Amino acid sequence: MTNFWNHLETLVAKSDINIDRPKGSRHPKNSDIIYPLDYGELVGTTGGDGDGIDIWVGTKPDPKRVEGVITTVDLWKRDAEIKILYGTTQEEMAIALETHNTEAQAAKLIPRD
């Protein structure tokens, strides 16, 4: 599994992070959803929905590292994706996971060992 984490670290290191949904902001299509952490994408990458790979950015101090991923299956969008957890604490990982476990979406956390 080492190569998996190393490859994710390389993707993050070689990509700009675009935080288009800062902590406390509302989802553009569903105003009931408020982002508990900074959320965005890796510019120049492609995720399961055709947009950039999604990334949650936590509050751990620099140097940050990939702490895990969340895999999701969304019945409304009819897709599956990964969400990178970058610089997140254990508590922040649990909060991000909870955000993705909804009526139409199911999520699984894969923490880095």
C-alpha atoms as a PDB file:
ATOM      1  CA  MET A   1       0.000   0.000   0.000  1.00  0.00           C
ATOM      2  CA  THR A   2       3.078   2.233   0.276  1.00  0.00           C
ATOM      3  CA  ASN A   3       3.038   3.049  -3.455  1.00  0.00           C
ATOM      4  CA  PHE A   4      -0.609   4.130  -3.197  1.00  0.00           C
ATOM      5  CA  TRP A   5       0.177   6.741  -0.533  1.00  0.00           C
ATOM      6  CA  ASN A   6       3.388   7.825  -2.285  1.00  0.00           C
ATOM      7  CA  HIS A   7       1.496   8.316  -5.544  1.00  0.00           C
ATOM      8  CA  LEU A   8      -1.169  10.397  -3.780  1.00  0.00           C
ATOM      9  CA  GLU A   9       1.557  12.497  -2.122  1.00  0.00           C
ATOM     10  CA  THR A  10       3.093  13.089  -5.563  1.00  0.00           C
ATOM     11  CA  LEU A  11      -0.278  14.123  -7.034  1.00  0.00           C
ATOM     12  CA  VAL A  12      -0.825  16.615  -4.210  1.00  0.00           C
ATOM     13  CA  ALA A  13       2.743  17.956  -4.349  1.00  0.00           C
ATOM     14  CA  LYS A  14       2.594  18.498  -8.118  1.00  0.00           C
ATOM     15  CA  SER A  15      -0.879  20.073  -8.152  1.00  0.00           C
ATOM     16  CA  ASP A  16      -2.267  23.390  -7.044  1.00  0.00           C
ATOM     17  CA  ILE A  17      -5.065  23.046  -4.492  1.00  0.00           C
ATOM     18  CA  ASN A  18      -8.130  25.127  -5.349  1.00  0.00           C
ATOM     19  CA  ILE A  19     -10.262  25.604  -2.217  1.00  0.00           C
ATOM     20  CA  ASP A  20     -13.582  26.557  -3.785  1.00  0.00           C
ATOM     21  CA  ARG A  21     -15.595  25.718  -0.660  1.00  0.00           C
ATOM     22  CA  PRO A  22     -13.867  27.173   2.405  1.00  0.00           C
ATOM     23  CA  LYS A  23     -14.721  26.034   5.914  1.00  0.00           C
ATOM     24  CA  GLY A  24     -18.115  27.458   6.919  1.00  0.00           C
ATOM     25  CA  SER A  25     -19.348  28.011   3.349  1.00  0.00           C
ATOM     26  CA  ARG A  26     -22.563  26.527   1.970  1.00  0.00           C
ATOM     27  CA  HIS A  27     -22.846  24.003  -0.852  1.00  0.00           C
ATOM     28  CA  PRO A  28     -23.715  25.829  -4.104  1.00  0.00           C
ATOM     29  CA  LYS A  29     -26.674  23.531  -4.908  1.00  0.00           C
ATOM     30  CA  ASN A  30     -27.814  22.542  -1.394  1.00  0.00           C
ATOM     31  CA  SER A  31     -27.671  25.392   1.114  1.00  0.00           C
ATOM     32  CA  ASP A  32     -28.397  22.969   3.981  1.00  0.00           C
ATOM     33  CA  ILE A  33     -24.835  21.630   3.618  1.00  0.00           C
ATOM     34  CA  ILE A  34     -22.177  23.698   5.392  1.00  0.00           C
ATOM     35  CA  TYR A  35     -18.567  22.679   4.862  1.00  0.00           C
ATOM     36  CA  PRO A  36     -16.877  21.779   8.174  1.00  0.00           C
ATOM     37  CA  LEU A  37     -13.363  22.004   6.661  1.00  0.00           C
ATOM     38  CA  ASP A  38     -11.746  23.557   3.601  1.00  0.00           C
ATOM     39  CA  TYR A  39     -12.808  21.543   0.542  1.00  0.00           C
ATOM     40  CA  GLY A  40     -11.646  21.797  -3.024  1.00  0.00           C
ATOM     41  CA  GLU A  41      -9.862  20.028  -5.828  1.00  0.00           C
ATOM     42  CA  LEU A  42      -6.437  19.291  -7.231  1.00  0.00           C
ATOM     43  CA  VAL A  43      -6.069  21.482 -10.307  1.00  0.00           C
ATOM     44  CA  GLY A  44      -5.144  19.575 -13.470  1.00  0.00           C
ATOM     45  CA  THR A  45      -6.373  16.182 -12.231  1.00  0.00           C
ATOM     46  CA  THR A  46      -9.510  14.204 -13.046  1.00  0.00           C
ATOM     47  CA  GLY A  47     -11.739  12.540 -10.475  1.00  0.00           C
ATOM     48  CA  GLY A  48     -14.661  10.177 -10.884  1.00  0.00           C
ATOM     49  CA  ASP A  49     -17.064  13.012 -11.746  1.00  0.00           C
ATOM     50  CA  GLY A  50     -14.819  14.442 -14.476  1.00  0.00           C
ATOM     51  CA  ASP A  51     -13.727  17.403 -12.335  1.00  0.00           C
ATOM     52  CA  GLY A  52     -10.495  17.631 -10.337  1.00  0.00           C
ATOM     53  CA  ILE A  53      -9.796  15.089  -7.598  1.00  0.00           C
ATOM     54  CA  ASP A  54     -11.543  16.264  -4.428  1.00  0.00           C
ATOM     55  CA  ILE A  55      -9.509  17.156  -1.349  1.00  0.00           C
ATOM     56  CA  TRP A  56     -10.339  17.999   2.257  1.00  0.00           C
ATOM     57  CA  VAL A  57      -7.658  20.177   3.884  1.00  0.00           C
ATOM     58  CA  GLY A  58      -7.380  19.972   7.657  1.00  0.00           C
ATOM     59  CA  THR A  59      -5.754  22.029  10.367  1.00  0.00           C
ATOM     60  CA  LYS A  60      -2.593  20.015  11.040  1.00  0.00           C
ATOM     61  CA  PRO A  61       0.443  22.293  10.772  1.00  0.00           C
ATOM     62  CA  ASP A  62       2.900  22.108   7.878  1.00  0.00           C
ATOM     63  CA  PRO A  63       4.363  19.967   6.600  1.00  0.00           C
ATOM     64  CA  LYS A  64       1.012  18.430   5.775  1.00  0.00           C
ATOM     65  CA  ARG A  65       0.661  14.918   4.392  1.00  0.00           C
ATOM     66  CA  VAL A  66      -2.054  12.696   2.970  1.00  0.00           C
ATOM     67  CA  GLU A  67      -3.704  11.153   6.039  1.00  0.00           C
ATOM     68  CA  GLY A  68      -6.221   8.976   4.205  1.00  0.00           C
ATOM     69  CA  VAL A  69      -8.941   8.906   1.581  1.00  0.00           C
ATOM     70  CA  ILE A  70     -12.695   8.662   1.611  1.00  0.00           C
ATOM     71  CA  THR A  71     -14.316   6.610  -1.131  1.00  0.00           C
ATOM     72  CA  THR A  72     -17.882   7.528  -2.046  1.00  0.00           C
ATOM     73  CA  VAL A  73     -20.754   6.105  -4.050  1.00  0.00           C
ATOM     74  CA  ASP A  74     -23.409   8.672  -4.990  1.00  0.00           C
ATOM     75  CA  LEU A  75     -26.758   7.350  -6.232  1.00  0.00           C
ATOM     76  CA  TRP A  76     -27.997  10.791  -7.335  1.00  0.00           C
ATOM     77  CA  LYS A  77     -24.905  11.550  -9.423  1.00  0.00           C
ATOM     78  CA  ARG A  78     -24.481   7.860 -10.275  1.00  0.00           C
ATOM     79  CA  ASP A  79     -20.738   7.977  -9.680  1.00  0.00           C
ATOM     80  CA  ALA A  80     -17.974   6.858  -7.361  1.00  0.00           C
ATOM     81  CA  GLU A  81     -15.069   9.035  -6.263  1.00  0.00           C
ATOM     82  CA  ILE A  82     -12.213   9.430  -3.831  1.00  0.00           C
ATOM     83  CA  LYS A  83     -11.693  12.409  -1.541  1.00  0.00           C
ATOM     84  CA  ILE A  84      -8.127  12.997  -0.342  1.00  0.00           C
ATOM     85  CA  LEU A  85      -7.711  13.843   3.346  1.00  0.00           C
ATOM     86  CA  TYR A  86      -4.753  16.218   3.576  1.00  0.00           C
ATOM     87  CA  GLY A  87      -3.388  17.482   6.866  1.00  0.00           C
ATOM     88  CA  THR A  88      -6.440  16.229   8.737  1.00  0.00           C
ATOM     89  CA  THR A  89      -6.665  15.129  12.359  1.00  0.00           C
ATOM     90  CA  GLN A  90      -8.521  11.953  13.364  1.00  0.00           C
ATOM     91  CA  GLU A  91     -11.495  14.094  14.396  1.00  0.00           C
ATOM     92  CA  GLU A  92     -11.479  15.977  11.085  1.00  0.00           C
ATOM     93  CA  MET A  93     -11.396  12.698   9.155  1.00  0.00           C
ATOM     94  CA  ALA A  94     -14.498  11.527  11.064  1.00  0.00           C
ATOM     95  CA  ILE A  95     -16.263  14.839  10.371  1.00  0.00           C
ATOM     96  CA  ALA A  96     -15.464  14.647   6.635  1.00  0.00           C
ATOM     97  CA  LEU A  97     -16.681  11.040   6.535  1.00  0.00           C
ATOM     98  CA  GLU A  98     -19.961  12.000   8.206  1.00  0.00           C
ATOM     99  CA  THR A  99     -20.469  14.716   5.573  1.00  0.00           C
ATOM    100  CA  HIS A 100     -20.459  12.074   2.822  1.00  0.00           C
ATOM    101  CA  ASN A 101     -22.756   9.534   4.506  1.00  0.00           C
ATOM    102  CA  THR A 102     -26.180  10.805   3.447  1.00  0.00           C
ATOM    103  CA  GLU A 103     -29.416   9.389   2.081  1.00  0.00           C
ATOM    104  CA  ALA A 104     -28.065   9.203  -1.473  1.00  0.00           C
ATOM    105  CA  GLN A 105     -24.369   8.828  -0.744  1.00  0.00           C
ATOM    106  CA  ALA A 106     -22.356   6.208   1.124  1.00  0.00           C
ATOM    107  CA  ALA A 107     -18.734   6.617   2.125  1.00  0.00           C
ATOM    108  CA  LYS A 108     -15.858   4.570   3.528  1.00  0.00           C
ATOM    109  CA  LEU A 109     -12.747   5.937   5.250  1.00  0.00           C
ATOM    110  CA  ILE A 110      -9.370   4.422   4.385  1.00  0.00           C
ATOM    111  CA  PRO A 111      -6.849   5.874   6.859  1.00  0.00           C
ATOM    112  CA  ARG A 112      -3.142   5.883   6.163  1.00  0.00           C
ATOM    113  CA  ASP A 113      -1.239   3.490   8.412  1.00  0.00           C
END
